[in-house]
PDB file of N, CA and C in Angstrom:
ATOM      1  N   UNK A   1       0.848  -1.182   0.000  1.00  0.00           N
ATOM      2  CA  UNK A   1       0.000   0.000   0.000  1.00  0.00           C
ATOM      3  C   UNK A   1       0.892   1.244   0.000  1.00  0.00           C
ATOM      4  N   UNK A   2       0.631   2.200  -0.889  1.00  0.00           N
ATOM      5  CA  UNK A   2       1.461   3.395  -0.958  1.00  0.00           C
ATOM      6  C   UNK A   2       1.306   4.241   0.305  1.00  0.00           C
ATOM      7  N   UNK A   3       2.386   4.905   0.659  1.00  0.00           N
ATOM      8  CA  UNK A   3       2.336   5.801   1.807  1.00  0.00           C
ATOM      9  C   UNK A   3       1.683   7.117   1.407  1.00  0.00           C
ATOM     10  N   UNK A   4       1.214   7.847   2.415  1.00  0.00           N
ATOM     11  CA  UNK A   4       0.580   9.140   2.141  1.00  0.00           C
ATOM     12  C   UNK A   4       1.634  10.110   1.611  1.00  0.00           C
ATOM     13  N   UNK A   5       1.263  10.861   0.598  1.00  0.00           N
ATOM     14  CA  UNK A   5       2.189  11.806  -0.013  1.00  0.00           C
ATOM     15  C   UNK A   5       2.210  13.095   0.787  1.00  0.00           C
ATOM     16  N   UNK A   6       3.371  13.703   0.886  1.00  0.00           N
ATOM     17  CA  UNK A   6       3.550  14.957   1.615  1.00  0.00           C
ATOM     18  C   UNK A   6       3.090  16.124   0.757  1.00  0.00           C
ATOM     19  N   UNK A   7       2.536  17.136   1.421  1.00  0.00           N
ATOM     20  CA  UNK A   7       2.118  18.356   0.734  1.00  0.00           C
ATOM     21  C   UNK A   7       3.131  19.444   1.051  1.00  0.00           C
ATOM     22  N   UNK A   8       3.365  20.318   0.079  1.00  0.00           N
ATOM     23  CA  UNK A   8       4.377  21.353   0.224  1.00  0.00           C
ATOM     24  C   UNK A   8       3.915  22.612  -0.499  1.00  0.00           C
ATOM     25  N   UNK A   9       4.001  23.735   0.184  1.00  0.00           N
ATOM     26  CA  UNK A   9       3.737  25.013  -0.456  1.00  0.00           C
ATOM     27  C   UNK A   9       5.046  25.479  -1.073  1.00  0.00           C
ATOM     28  N   UNK A  10       5.023  25.775  -2.351  1.00  0.00           N
ATOM     29  CA  UNK A  10       6.231  26.176  -3.059  1.00  0.00           C
ATOM     30  C   UNK A  10       5.978  27.513  -3.735  1.00  0.00           C
ATOM     31  N   UNK A  11       6.785  28.482  -3.419  1.00  0.00           N
ATOM     32  CA  UNK A  11       6.666  29.796  -4.043  1.00  0.00           C
ATOM     33  C   UNK A  11       7.681  29.885  -5.178  1.00  0.00           C
ATOM     34  N   UNK A  12       7.193  30.223  -6.359  1.00  0.00           N
ATOM     35  CA  UNK A  12       8.042  30.311  -7.543  1.00  0.00           C
ATOM     36  C   UNK A  12       7.843  31.650  -8.232  1.00  0.00           C
ATOM     37  N   UNK A  13       8.881  32.113  -8.869  1.00  0.00           N
ATOM     38  CA  UNK A  13       8.766  33.266  -9.753  1.00  0.00           C
ATOM     39  C   UNK A  13       7.768  32.881 -10.845  1.00  0.00           C
ATOM     40  N   UNK A  14       6.851  33.772 -11.210  1.00  0.00           N
ATOM     41  CA  UNK A  14       5.856  33.427 -12.232  1.00  0.00           C
ATOM     42  C   UNK A  14       6.469  32.952 -13.556  1.00  0.00           C
ATOM     43  N   UNK A  15       7.581  33.519 -13.949  1.00  0.00           N
ATOM     44  CA  UNK A  15       8.220  33.104 -15.203  1.00  0.00           C
ATOM     45  C   UNK A  15       8.758  31.675 -15.082  1.00  0.00           C
ATOM     46  N   UNK A  16       9.281  31.320 -13.902  1.00  0.00           N
ATOM     47  CA  UNK A  16       9.773  29.950 -13.678  1.00  0.00           C
ATOM     48  C   UNK A  16       8.590  28.987 -13.708  1.00  0.00           C
ATOM     49  N   UNK A  17       7.497  29.361 -13.064  1.00  0.00           N
ATOM     50  CA  UNK A  17       6.304  28.506 -13.067  1.00  0.00           C
ATOM     51  C   UNK A  17       5.788  28.299 -14.486  1.00  0.00           C
ATOM     52  N   UNK A  18       5.724  29.364 -15.265  1.00  0.00           N
ATOM     53  CA  UNK A  18       5.248  29.250 -16.643  1.00  0.00           C
ATOM     54  C   UNK A  18       6.144  28.326 -17.466  1.00  0.00           C
ATOM     55  N   UNK A  19       7.455  28.456 -17.282  1.00  0.00           N
ATOM     56  CA  UNK A  19       8.393  27.590 -18.014  1.00  0.00           C
ATOM     57  C   UNK A  19       8.214  26.133 -17.596  1.00  0.00           C
ATOM     58  N   UNK A  20       8.037  25.888 -16.290  1.00  0.00           N
ATOM     59  CA  UNK A  20       7.806  24.525 -15.808  1.00  0.00           C
ATOM     60  C   UNK A  20       6.501  23.960 -16.359  1.00  0.00           C
ATOM     61  N   UNK A  21       5.459  24.778 -16.376  1.00  0.00           N
ATOM     62  CA  UNK A  21       4.156  24.325 -16.872  1.00  0.00           C
ATOM     63  C   UNK A  21       4.237  23.957 -18.357  1.00  0.00           C
ATOM     64  N   UNK A  22       4.954  24.755 -19.153  1.00  0.00           N
ATOM     65  CA  UNK A  22       5.121  24.445 -20.574  1.00  0.00           C
ATOM     66  C   UNK A  22       5.914  23.150 -20.759  1.00  0.00           C
ATOM     67  N   UNK A  23       6.985  23.014 -19.979  1.00  0.00           N
ATOM     68  CA  UNK A  23       7.819  21.812 -20.056  1.00  0.00           C
ATOM     69  C   UNK A  23       6.992  20.590 -19.659  1.00  0.00           C
ATOM     70  N   UNK A  24       6.217  20.709 -18.591  1.00  0.00           N
ATOM     71  CA  UNK A  24       5.366  19.606 -18.141  1.00  0.00           C
ATOM     72  C   UNK A  24       4.375  19.212 -19.232  1.00  0.00           C
ATOM     73  N   UNK A  25       3.762  20.190 -19.859  1.00  0.00           N
ATOM     74  CA  UNK A  25       2.805  19.900 -20.931  1.00  0.00           C
ATOM     75  C   UNK A  25       3.493  19.172 -22.086  1.00  0.00           C
ATOM     76  N   UNK A  26       4.700  19.591 -22.423  1.00  0.00           N
ATOM     77  CA  UNK A  26       5.455  18.923 -23.488  1.00  0.00           C
ATOM     78  C   UNK A  26       5.738  17.463 -23.146  1.00  0.00           C
ATOM     79  N   UNK A  27       5.919  17.169 -21.853  1.00  0.00           N
ATOM     80  CA  UNK A  27       6.241  15.816 -21.387  1.00  0.00           C
ATOM     81  C   UNK A  27       4.998  15.029 -20.975  1.00  0.00           C
ATOM     82  N   UNK A  28       3.809  15.625 -21.180  1.00  0.00           N
ATOM     83  CA  UNK A  28       2.531  15.011 -20.806  1.00  0.00           C
ATOM     84  C   UNK A  28       2.456  14.710 -19.311  1.00  0.00           C
ATOM     85  N   UNK A  29       2.946  15.648 -18.504  1.00  0.00           N
ATOM     86  CA  UNK A  29       2.887  15.552 -17.047  1.00  0.00           C
ATOM     87  C   UNK A  29       2.181  16.785 -16.499  1.00  0.00           C
ATOM     88  N   UNK A  30       1.684  16.670 -15.271  1.00  0.00           N
ATOM     89  CA  UNK A  30       1.203  17.856 -14.565  1.00  0.00           C
ATOM     90  C   UNK A  30       2.431  18.647 -14.109  1.00  0.00           C
ATOM     91  N   UNK A  31       2.217  19.905 -13.774  1.00  0.00           N
ATOM     92  CA  UNK A  31       3.334  20.708 -13.263  1.00  0.00           C
ATOM     93  C   UNK A  31       3.888  20.071 -11.992  1.00  0.00           C
ATOM     94  N   UNK A  32       3.016  19.605 -11.118  1.00  0.00           N
ATOM     95  CA  UNK A  32       3.449  18.959  -9.882  1.00  0.00           C
ATOM     96  C   UNK A  32       4.300  17.723 -10.176  1.00  0.00           C
ATOM     97  N   UNK A  33       3.850  16.896 -11.102  1.00  0.00           N
ATOM     98  CA  UNK A  33       4.611  15.693 -11.450  1.00  0.00           C
ATOM     99  C   UNK A  33       5.958  16.050 -12.072  1.00  0.00           C
ATOM    100  N   UNK A  34       6.006  17.131 -12.846  1.00  0.00           N
ATOM    101  CA  UNK A  34       7.264  17.560 -13.459  1.00  0.00           C
ATOM    102  C   UNK A  34       8.248  18.006 -12.383  1.00  0.00           C
ATOM    103  N   UNK A  35       7.761  18.739 -11.384  1.00  0.00           N
ATOM    104  CA  UNK A  35       8.634  19.174 -10.293  1.00  0.00           C
ATOM    105  C   UNK A  35       9.174  17.958  -9.542  1.00  0.00           C
ATOM    106  N   UNK A  36       8.298  16.978  -9.252  1.00  0.00           N
ATOM    107  CA  UNK A  36       8.767  15.782  -8.556  1.00  0.00           C
ATOM    108  C   UNK A  36       9.778  15.024  -9.406  1.00  0.00           C
ATOM    109  N   UNK A  37       9.534  14.910 -10.705  1.00  0.00           N
ATOM    110  CA  UNK A  37      10.469  14.237 -11.607  1.00  0.00           C
ATOM    111  C   UNK A  37      11.840  14.908 -11.561  1.00  0.00           C
ATOM    112  N   UNK A  38      11.855  16.230 -11.629  1.00  0.00           N
ATOM    113  CA  UNK A  38      13.124  16.968 -11.626  1.00  0.00           C
ATOM    114  C   UNK A  38      13.846  16.847 -10.284  1.00  0.00           C
ATOM    115  N   UNK A  39      13.083  16.900  -9.191  1.00  0.00           N
ATOM    116  CA  UNK A  39      13.702  16.742  -7.873  1.00  0.00           C
ATOM    117  C   UNK A  39      14.294  15.345  -7.710  1.00  0.00           C
ATOM    118  N   UNK A  40      13.575  14.324  -8.160  1.00  0.00           N
ATOM    119  CA  UNK A  40      14.093  12.961  -8.066  1.00  0.00           C
ATOM    120  C   UNK A  40      15.372  12.809  -8.896  1.00  0.00           C
ATOM    121  N   UNK A  41      15.373  13.385 -10.090  1.00  0.00           N
ATOM    122  CA  UNK A  41      16.561  13.299 -10.938  1.00  0.00           C
ATOM    123  C   UNK A  41      17.746  14.009 -10.282  1.00  0.00           C
ATOM    124  N   UNK A  42      17.491  15.177  -9.681  1.00  0.00           N
ATOM    125  CA  UNK A  42      18.564  15.910  -9.005  1.00  0.00           C
ATOM    126  C   UNK A  42      19.097  15.117  -7.808  1.00  0.00           C
ATOM    127  N   UNK A  43      18.194  14.501  -7.039  1.00  0.00           N
ATOM    128  CA  UNK A  43      18.633  13.680  -5.908  1.00  0.00           C
ATOM    129  C   UNK A  43      19.476  12.495  -6.381  1.00  0.00           C
ATOM    130  N   UNK A  44      19.039  11.832  -7.435  1.00  0.00           N
ATOM    131  CA  UNK A  44      19.784  10.684  -7.961  1.00  0.00           C
ATOM    132  C   UNK A  44      21.155  11.123  -8.476  1.00  0.00           C
ATOM    133  N   UNK A  45      21.196  12.232  -9.212  1.00  0.00           N
ATOM    134  CA  UNK A  45      22.462  12.729  -9.758  1.00  0.00           C
ATOM    135  C   UNK A  45      23.444  13.099  -8.657  1.00  0.00           C
ATOM    136  N   UNK A  46      22.916  13.582  -7.516  1.00  0.00           N
ATOM    137  CA  UNK A  46      23.768  13.994  -6.399  1.00  0.00           C
ATOM    138  C   UNK A  46      24.095  12.818  -5.471  1.00  0.00           C
ATOM    139  N   UNK A  47      23.566  11.629  -5.785  1.00  0.00           N
ATOM    140  CA  UNK A  47      23.803  10.477  -4.931  1.00  0.00           C
ATOM    141  C   UNK A  47      23.080  10.574  -3.600  1.00  0.00           C
ATOM    142  N   UNK A  48      21.963  11.294  -3.568  1.00  0.00           N
ATOM    143  CA  UNK A  48      21.230  11.502  -2.323  1.00  0.00           C
ATOM    144  C   UNK A  48      19.834  10.876  -2.331  1.00  0.00           C
ATOM    145  N   UNK A  49      19.527  10.076  -3.322  1.00  0.00           N
ATOM    146  CA  UNK A  49      18.213   9.439  -3.380  1.00  0.00           C
ATOM    147  C   UNK A  49      18.161   8.311  -2.356  1.00  0.00           C
ATOM    148  N   UNK A  50      17.219   8.379  -1.405  1.00  0.00           N
ATOM    149  CA  UNK A  50      17.101   7.290  -0.433  1.00  0.00           C
ATOM    150  C   UNK A  50      16.725   5.979  -1.120  1.00  0.00           C
ATOM    151  N   UNK A  51      17.169   4.885  -0.572  1.00  0.00           N
ATOM    152  CA  UNK A  51      16.914   3.582  -1.173  1.00  0.00           C
ATOM    153  C   UNK A  51      15.481   3.107  -1.041  1.00  0.00           C
ATOM    154  N   UNK A  52      14.723   3.694  -0.117  1.00  0.00           N
ATOM    155  CA  UNK A  52      13.359   3.224   0.136  1.00  0.00           C
ATOM    156  C   UNK A  52      12.292   4.057  -0.570  1.00  0.00           C
ATOM    157  N   UNK A  53      12.678   4.832  -1.567  1.00  0.00           N
ATOM    158  CA  UNK A  53      11.734   5.684  -2.288  1.00  0.00           C
ATOM    159  C   UNK A  53      10.933   4.841  -3.279  1.00  0.00           C
ATOM    160  N   UNK A  54       9.603   5.023  -3.266  1.00  0.00           N
ATOM    161  CA  UNK A  54       8.758   4.310  -4.228  1.00  0.00           C
ATOM    162  C   UNK A  54       9.021   4.852  -5.625  1.00  0.00           C
ATOM    163  N   UNK A  55       8.818   3.988  -6.620  1.00  0.00           N
ATOM    164  CA  UNK A  55       8.992   4.422  -8.010  1.00  0.00           C
ATOM    165  C   UNK A  55       7.917   5.436  -8.361  1.00  0.00           C
ATOM    166  N   UNK A  56       8.259   6.342  -9.227  1.00  0.00           N
ATOM    167  CA  UNK A  56       7.294   7.340  -9.686  1.00  0.00           C
ATOM    168  C   UNK A  56       6.338   6.658 -10.670  1.00  0.00           C
ATOM    169  N   UNK A  57       5.076   7.056 -10.604  1.00  0.00           N
ATOM    170  CA  UNK A  57       4.098   6.473 -11.529  1.00  0.00           C
ATOM    171  C   UNK A  57       4.440   6.851 -12.961  1.00  0.00           C
ATOM    172  N   UNK A  58       4.203   5.947 -13.903  1.00  0.00           N
ATOM    173  CA  UNK A  58       4.452   6.287 -15.302  1.00  0.00           C
ATOM    174  C   UNK A  58       3.486   7.368 -15.788  1.00  0.00           C
ATOM    175  N   UNK A  59       3.887   8.063 -16.840  1.00  0.00           N
ATOM    176  CA  UNK A  59       3.036   9.105 -17.413  1.00  0.00           C
ATOM    177  C   UNK A  59       1.778   8.517 -18.007  1.00  0.00           C
ATOM    178  N   UNK A  60       0.735   9.321 -18.080  1.00  0.00           N
ATOM    179  CA  UNK A  60      -0.495   8.920 -18.745  1.00  0.00           C
ATOM    180  C   UNK A  60      -1.462   8.199 -17.838  1.00  0.00           C
ATOM    181  N   UNK A  61      -2.504   7.712 -18.442  1.00  0.00           N
ATOM    182  CA  UNK A  61      -3.544   7.005 -17.708  1.00  0.00           C
ATOM    183  C   UNK A  61      -3.051   5.642 -17.263  1.00  0.00           C
ATOM    184  N   UNK A  62      -3.537   5.175 -16.117  1.00  0.00           N
ATOM    185  CA  UNK A  62      -3.176   3.822 -15.694  1.00  0.00           C
ATOM    186  C   UNK A  62      -3.684   2.795 -16.711  1.00  0.00           C
ATOM    187  N   UNK A  63      -2.950   1.736 -16.866  1.00  0.00           N
ATOM    188  CA  UNK A  63      -3.357   0.673 -17.780  1.00  0.00           C
ATOM    189  C   UNK A  63      -4.574  -0.041 -17.207  1.00  0.00           C
ATOM    190  N   UNK A  64      -5.460  -0.465 -18.091  1.00  0.00           N
ATOM    191  CA  UNK A  64      -6.607  -1.250 -17.645  1.00  0.00           C
ATOM    192  C   UNK A  64      -6.236  -2.718 -17.737  1.00  0.00           C
ATOM    193  N   UNK A  65      -6.817  -3.487 -16.854  1.00  0.00           N
ATOM    194  CA  UNK A  65      -6.572  -4.931 -16.884  1.00  0.00           C
ATOM    195  C   UNK A  65      -7.880  -5.630 -17.205  1.00  0.00           C
ATOM    196  N   UNK A  66      -7.802  -6.883 -17.529  1.00  0.00           N
ATOM    197  CA  UNK A  66      -9.008  -7.642 -17.853  1.00  0.00           C
ATOM    198  C   UNK A  66      -9.933  -7.736 -16.637  1.00  0.00           C
ATOM    199  N   UNK A  67      -9.365  -7.652 -15.418  1.00  0.00           N
ATOM    200  CA  UNK A  67     -10.163  -7.719 -14.204  1.00  0.00           C
ATOM    201  C   UNK A  67     -11.105  -6.519 -14.067  1.00  0.00           C
ATOM    202  N   UNK A  68     -10.732  -5.388 -14.657  1.00  0.00           N
ATOM    203  CA  UNK A  68     -11.525  -4.165 -14.524  1.00  0.00           C
ATOM    204  C   UNK A  68     -12.674  -4.091 -15.513  1.00  0.00           C
ATOM    205  N   UNK A  69     -12.667  -4.950 -16.525  1.00  0.00           N
ATOM    206  CA  UNK A  69     -13.714  -4.877 -17.553  1.00  0.00           C
ATOM    207  C   UNK A  69     -14.909  -5.730 -17.225  1.00  0.00           C
TER     208      UNK A  69
END
């Protein structure tokens, strides 16, 4: 069972937010998901990603299974 996700208030320069939103749209992600993707990549690149972090959900709609039909 997934753990509860943390909420965070983030203040950004409007131009930075707009650039992130455009980038997220290009990648078919929400702005929030794009920020999490970038933070995870930065943590991994810096060797600071904890080993117990759940994988990020893939982009797009969840796949349907035969059980759901």
